[in-house]
Every structure is written in structure tokens, then in C-alpha cells.
């Protein structure tokens, strides 16, 4: 039971005592769900970029107003690794 062991802050989240700094990646546990979010810290303007399967010529959307993590399912949280503009697929 993770209730009470998860806290969201402007610059990081804390899960079971482990601090994960923003920007951070939120990935659904369900491998068939390709909607991945990247949350940015308030210190760089905040917001959230959603990555999804390509539709037309678009595979992501940025929402500068969104900062709330999803609570509708189970997710994996990881620190975001900047790639200097290079696409990396794993």
C-alpha cells in the first residue's frame, strides 16, 4: 500500500522516501499504453509534454498549464535524461 508514501512537490516527487527530481518521466505500467508524460519543474516554467503514438505528423503535445500527475492508474516514474535533441528509442 503506497498511500501516504507518495508526495508531489514543485521541483520533485517523493515515492516511498525516494526523491525523483523534475523533469521526470511518467510511464504507464501497461506496456500497451503509449501515453508517456514528461513533467517539468516550475523553475523552468513547468508544464507537461505528452508523448503518444504518431498521429499524422505529431507525436507529442506540450501543455504549459499542466502540472498534476495522473492518478487514474499505475505508473512508473523515472528521471528524464536529456539527449541534446537526439531521439533515443529504447
N, C-alpha and C. Protein backbone atom coordinates (compact mmCIF):
# COMPACT_ATOMS: atom_id res chain seq x y z
N UNK A 1 0.84 -1.18 0.00
CA UNK A 1 0.00 0.00 0.00
C UNK A 1 0.88 1.25 0.00
N UNK A 2 0.78 2.05 -1.05
CA UNK A 2 1.64 3.23 -1.20
C UNK A 2 0.98 4.50 -0.68
N UNK A 3 -0.25 4.41 -0.16
CA UNK A 3 -0.93 5.61 0.32
C UNK A 3 -0.11 6.29 1.41
N UNK A 4 0.06 7.58 1.26
CA UNK A 4 0.86 8.33 2.21
C UNK A 4 2.35 8.24 1.95
N UNK A 5 2.75 7.45 0.96
CA UNK A 5 4.15 7.29 0.63
C UNK A 5 4.49 7.96 -0.69
N UNK A 6 3.60 8.81 -1.17
CA UNK A 6 3.77 9.49 -2.44
C UNK A 6 3.47 10.98 -2.25
N UNK A 7 4.44 11.84 -2.55
CA UNK A 7 4.24 13.28 -2.37
C UNK A 7 4.73 14.02 -3.61
N UNK A 8 3.93 14.99 -4.06
CA UNK A 8 4.27 15.78 -5.24
C UNK A 8 4.66 17.19 -4.80
N UNK A 9 5.81 17.66 -5.28
CA UNK A 9 6.31 19.00 -4.98
C UNK A 9 6.58 19.72 -6.30
N UNK A 10 6.82 21.02 -6.25
CA UNK A 10 7.04 21.80 -7.48
C UNK A 10 8.26 21.33 -8.26
N UNK A 11 9.31 20.91 -7.57
CA UNK A 11 10.57 20.56 -8.23
C UNK A 11 10.87 19.06 -8.24
N UNK A 12 10.08 18.26 -7.54
CA UNK A 12 10.34 16.82 -7.46
C UNK A 12 9.13 16.08 -6.92
N UNK A 13 9.17 14.74 -7.03
CA UNK A 13 8.20 13.90 -6.35
C UNK A 13 8.98 13.01 -5.39
N UNK A 14 8.28 12.48 -4.41
CA UNK A 14 8.91 11.55 -3.48
C UNK A 14 8.04 10.31 -3.39
N UNK A 15 8.63 9.15 -3.68
CA UNK A 15 7.92 7.89 -3.66
C UNK A 15 8.63 6.97 -2.67
N UNK A 16 7.92 6.60 -1.61
CA UNK A 16 8.49 5.71 -0.58
C UNK A 16 9.86 6.18 -0.12
N UNK A 17 10.01 7.48 0.08
CA UNK A 17 11.26 8.04 0.57
C UNK A 17 12.31 8.31 -0.49
N UNK A 18 12.03 7.96 -1.75
CA UNK A 18 12.98 8.20 -2.83
C UNK A 18 12.56 9.45 -3.59
N UNK A 19 13.47 10.39 -3.70
CA UNK A 19 13.21 11.67 -4.37
C UNK A 19 13.58 11.55 -5.85
N UNK A 20 12.63 11.94 -6.71
CA UNK A 20 12.87 11.96 -8.16
C UNK A 20 12.67 13.39 -8.62
N UNK A 21 13.75 14.03 -9.05
CA UNK A 21 13.71 15.42 -9.47
C UNK A 21 13.05 15.57 -10.84
N UNK A 22 12.34 16.68 -11.01
CA UNK A 22 11.81 17.04 -12.32
C UNK A 22 12.93 17.70 -13.13
N UNK A 23 12.97 17.54 -14.44
CA UNK A 23 11.96 16.86 -15.23
C UNK A 23 11.98 15.36 -14.95
N UNK A 24 10.77 14.79 -14.97
CA UNK A 24 10.64 13.35 -14.74
C UNK A 24 9.68 12.77 -15.75
N UNK A 25 9.83 11.47 -15.96
CA UNK A 25 9.02 10.73 -16.93
C UNK A 25 8.01 9.89 -16.16
N UNK A 26 6.76 9.93 -16.62
CA UNK A 26 5.68 9.13 -16.05
C UNK A 26 5.21 8.16 -17.14
N UNK A 27 5.45 6.85 -16.93
CA UNK A 27 5.09 5.84 -17.92
C UNK A 27 4.05 4.89 -17.34
N UNK A 28 3.00 4.59 -18.12
CA UNK A 28 2.02 3.62 -17.64
C UNK A 28 2.68 2.25 -17.46
N UNK A 29 2.26 1.52 -16.45
CA UNK A 29 2.75 0.15 -16.27
C UNK A 29 2.29 -0.73 -17.42
N UNK A 30 1.11 -0.45 -17.94
CA UNK A 30 0.57 -1.20 -19.07
C UNK A 30 1.40 -0.89 -20.32
N UNK A 31 2.16 -1.86 -20.82
CA UNK A 31 3.06 -1.66 -21.97
C UNK A 31 2.30 -1.33 -23.25
N UNK A 32 1.00 -1.60 -23.30
CA UNK A 32 0.21 -1.28 -24.49
C UNK A 32 -0.21 0.19 -24.52
N UNK A 33 -0.08 0.87 -23.40
CA UNK A 33 -0.44 2.29 -23.29
C UNK A 33 0.80 3.12 -23.59
N UNK A 34 0.80 3.82 -24.70
CA UNK A 34 1.97 4.57 -25.15
C UNK A 34 1.90 6.06 -24.79
N UNK A 35 1.00 6.43 -23.91
CA UNK A 35 0.88 7.82 -23.48
C UNK A 35 1.83 8.06 -22.31
N UNK A 36 2.97 8.67 -22.61
CA UNK A 36 4.02 8.93 -21.64
C UNK A 36 4.07 10.43 -21.40
N UNK A 37 4.20 10.84 -20.13
CA UNK A 37 4.27 12.26 -19.79
C UNK A 37 5.64 12.62 -19.26
N UNK A 38 6.09 13.82 -19.61
CA UNK A 38 7.30 14.39 -19.04
C UNK A 38 6.87 15.66 -18.32
N UNK A 39 7.12 15.72 -17.02
CA UNK A 39 6.74 16.87 -16.20
C UNK A 39 7.98 17.71 -15.94
N UNK A 40 7.85 19.03 -16.12
CA UNK A 40 8.96 19.95 -15.95
C UNK A 40 8.82 20.73 -14.64
N UNK A 41 9.94 21.08 -14.01
CA UNK A 41 9.88 21.82 -12.75
C UNK A 41 9.42 23.26 -12.96
N UNK A 42 8.83 23.84 -11.94
CA UNK A 42 8.38 25.23 -12.01
C UNK A 42 9.54 26.19 -12.29
N UNK A 43 10.75 25.81 -11.86
CA UNK A 43 11.91 26.69 -12.04
C UNK A 43 12.26 26.93 -13.50
N UNK A 44 11.76 26.08 -14.41
CA UNK A 44 11.99 26.30 -15.85
C UNK A 44 10.67 26.54 -16.59
N UNK A 45 9.63 26.90 -15.83
CA UNK A 45 8.36 27.23 -16.45
C UNK A 45 7.27 26.20 -16.27
N UNK A 46 7.62 25.00 -15.78
CA UNK A 46 6.62 23.96 -15.53
C UNK A 46 6.03 23.39 -16.80
N UNK A 47 4.88 22.76 -16.65
CA UNK A 47 4.19 22.17 -17.78
C UNK A 47 4.45 20.69 -17.93
N UNK A 48 3.79 20.13 -18.94
CA UNK A 48 3.86 18.69 -19.19
C UNK A 48 3.85 18.44 -20.70
N UNK A 49 4.76 17.60 -21.15
CA UNK A 49 4.76 17.15 -22.54
C UNK A 49 4.26 15.72 -22.56
N UNK A 50 3.23 15.44 -23.37
CA UNK A 50 2.70 14.10 -23.53
C UNK A 50 3.23 13.52 -24.83
N UNK A 51 3.81 12.33 -24.74
CA UNK A 51 4.30 11.60 -25.91
C UNK A 51 3.29 10.51 -26.22
N UNK A 52 2.99 10.30 -27.50
CA UNK A 52 2.00 9.30 -27.89
C UNK A 52 2.34 8.75 -29.26
N UNK A 53 1.65 7.68 -29.66
CA UNK A 53 1.86 7.12 -31.00
C UNK A 53 1.56 8.20 -32.03
N UNK A 54 2.40 8.25 -33.05
CA UNK A 54 2.31 9.31 -34.05
C UNK A 54 0.93 9.34 -34.72
N UNK A 55 0.37 10.54 -34.78
CA UNK A 55 -0.90 10.80 -35.46
C UNK A 55 -0.61 11.88 -36.48
N UNK A 56 -0.65 11.53 -37.76
CA UNK A 56 -0.27 12.49 -38.80
C UNK A 56 1.21 12.79 -38.66
N UNK A 57 1.53 14.05 -38.42
CA UNK A 57 2.94 14.43 -38.25
C UNK A 57 3.25 14.80 -36.80
N UNK A 58 2.39 14.41 -35.86
CA UNK A 58 2.58 14.81 -34.47
C UNK A 58 2.70 13.58 -33.56
N UNK A 59 3.69 13.60 -32.66
CA UNK A 59 3.86 12.50 -31.71
C UNK A 59 4.00 13.01 -30.27
N UNK A 60 3.77 14.32 -30.07
CA UNK A 60 3.81 14.88 -28.73
C UNK A 60 3.00 16.17 -28.68
N UNK A 61 2.61 16.55 -27.47
CA UNK A 61 1.89 17.80 -27.25
C UNK A 61 2.33 18.37 -25.91
N UNK A 62 2.58 19.68 -25.86
CA UNK A 62 3.01 20.34 -24.63
C UNK A 62 1.87 21.17 -24.06
N UNK A 63 1.63 21.03 -22.77
CA UNK A 63 0.61 21.81 -22.07
C UNK A 63 1.31 22.59 -20.96
N UNK A 64 1.51 23.91 -21.15
CA UNK A 64 2.24 24.70 -20.16
C UNK A 64 1.50 24.85 -18.83
N UNK A 65 0.20 24.58 -18.80
CA UNK A 65 -0.60 24.74 -17.58
C UNK A 65 -0.68 23.47 -16.75
N UNK A 66 -0.32 22.35 -17.33
CA UNK A 66 -0.50 21.06 -16.64
C UNK A 66 0.70 20.74 -15.76
N UNK A 67 0.42 20.43 -14.50
CA UNK A 67 1.49 20.04 -13.58
C UNK A 67 1.09 18.85 -12.71
N UNK A 68 -0.18 18.47 -12.75
CA UNK A 68 -0.67 17.37 -11.91
C UNK A 68 -0.37 16.02 -12.53
N UNK A 69 0.21 15.13 -11.73
CA UNK A 69 0.46 13.78 -12.18
C UNK A 69 -0.86 13.03 -12.28
N UNK A 70 -0.89 12.02 -13.13
CA UNK A 70 -2.10 11.21 -13.29
C UNK A 70 -2.31 10.33 -12.06
N UNK A 71 -3.58 10.12 -11.73
CA UNK A 71 -3.92 9.29 -10.56
C UNK A 71 -4.94 8.21 -10.93
N UNK A 72 -5.16 8.01 -12.23
CA UNK A 72 -6.20 7.10 -12.68
C UNK A 72 -5.73 5.66 -12.87
N UNK A 73 -4.43 5.40 -12.72
CA UNK A 73 -3.89 4.06 -12.94
C UNK A 73 -2.54 3.95 -12.24
N UNK A 74 -1.77 2.92 -12.58
CA UNK A 74 -0.44 2.73 -12.01
C UNK A 74 0.62 3.19 -13.01
N UNK A 75 1.65 3.89 -12.49
CA UNK A 75 2.69 4.46 -13.35
C UNK A 75 4.08 4.21 -12.79
N UNK A 76 5.05 4.24 -13.68
CA UNK A 76 6.46 4.16 -13.33
C UNK A 76 7.00 5.57 -13.45
N UNK A 77 7.80 6.00 -12.49
CA UNK A 77 8.40 7.34 -12.52
C UNK A 77 9.91 7.21 -12.60
N UNK A 78 10.49 7.97 -13.52
CA UNK A 78 11.94 7.96 -13.73
C UNK A 78 12.42 9.36 -13.99
N UNK A 79 13.69 9.64 -13.66
CA UNK A 79 14.27 10.93 -14.01
C UNK A 79 14.40 11.01 -15.53
N UNK A 80 14.15 12.18 -16.07
CA UNK A 80 14.28 12.43 -17.51
C UNK A 80 15.76 12.59 -17.85
N UNK A 81 16.19 11.93 -18.91
CA UNK A 81 17.57 12.04 -19.37
C UNK A 81 17.62 12.91 -20.62
N UNK A 82 18.16 14.11 -20.53
CA UNK A 82 18.23 14.99 -21.71
C UNK A 82 19.17 14.39 -22.75
N UNK A 83 18.81 14.57 -24.04
CA UNK A 83 19.61 13.98 -25.13
C UNK A 83 20.11 15.01 -26.12
N UNK A 84 20.06 16.29 -25.75
CA UNK A 84 20.56 17.35 -26.64
C UNK A 84 19.85 17.34 -28.01
N UNK A 85 18.58 16.94 -28.04
CA UNK A 85 17.80 16.98 -29.28
C UNK A 85 17.85 15.70 -30.09
N UNK A 86 18.60 14.70 -29.66
CA UNK A 86 18.69 13.43 -30.37
C UNK A 86 17.59 12.49 -29.89
N UNK A 87 16.86 11.87 -30.82
CA UNK A 87 15.83 10.90 -30.44
C UNK A 87 16.50 9.60 -30.03
N UNK A 88 16.10 9.08 -28.89
CA UNK A 88 16.61 7.80 -28.42
C UNK A 88 15.41 6.90 -28.16
N UNK A 89 15.40 5.74 -28.79
CA UNK A 89 14.30 4.80 -28.59
C UNK A 89 14.84 3.59 -27.88
N UNK A 90 14.16 3.20 -26.81
CA UNK A 90 14.61 2.05 -26.01
C UNK A 90 13.48 1.05 -25.92
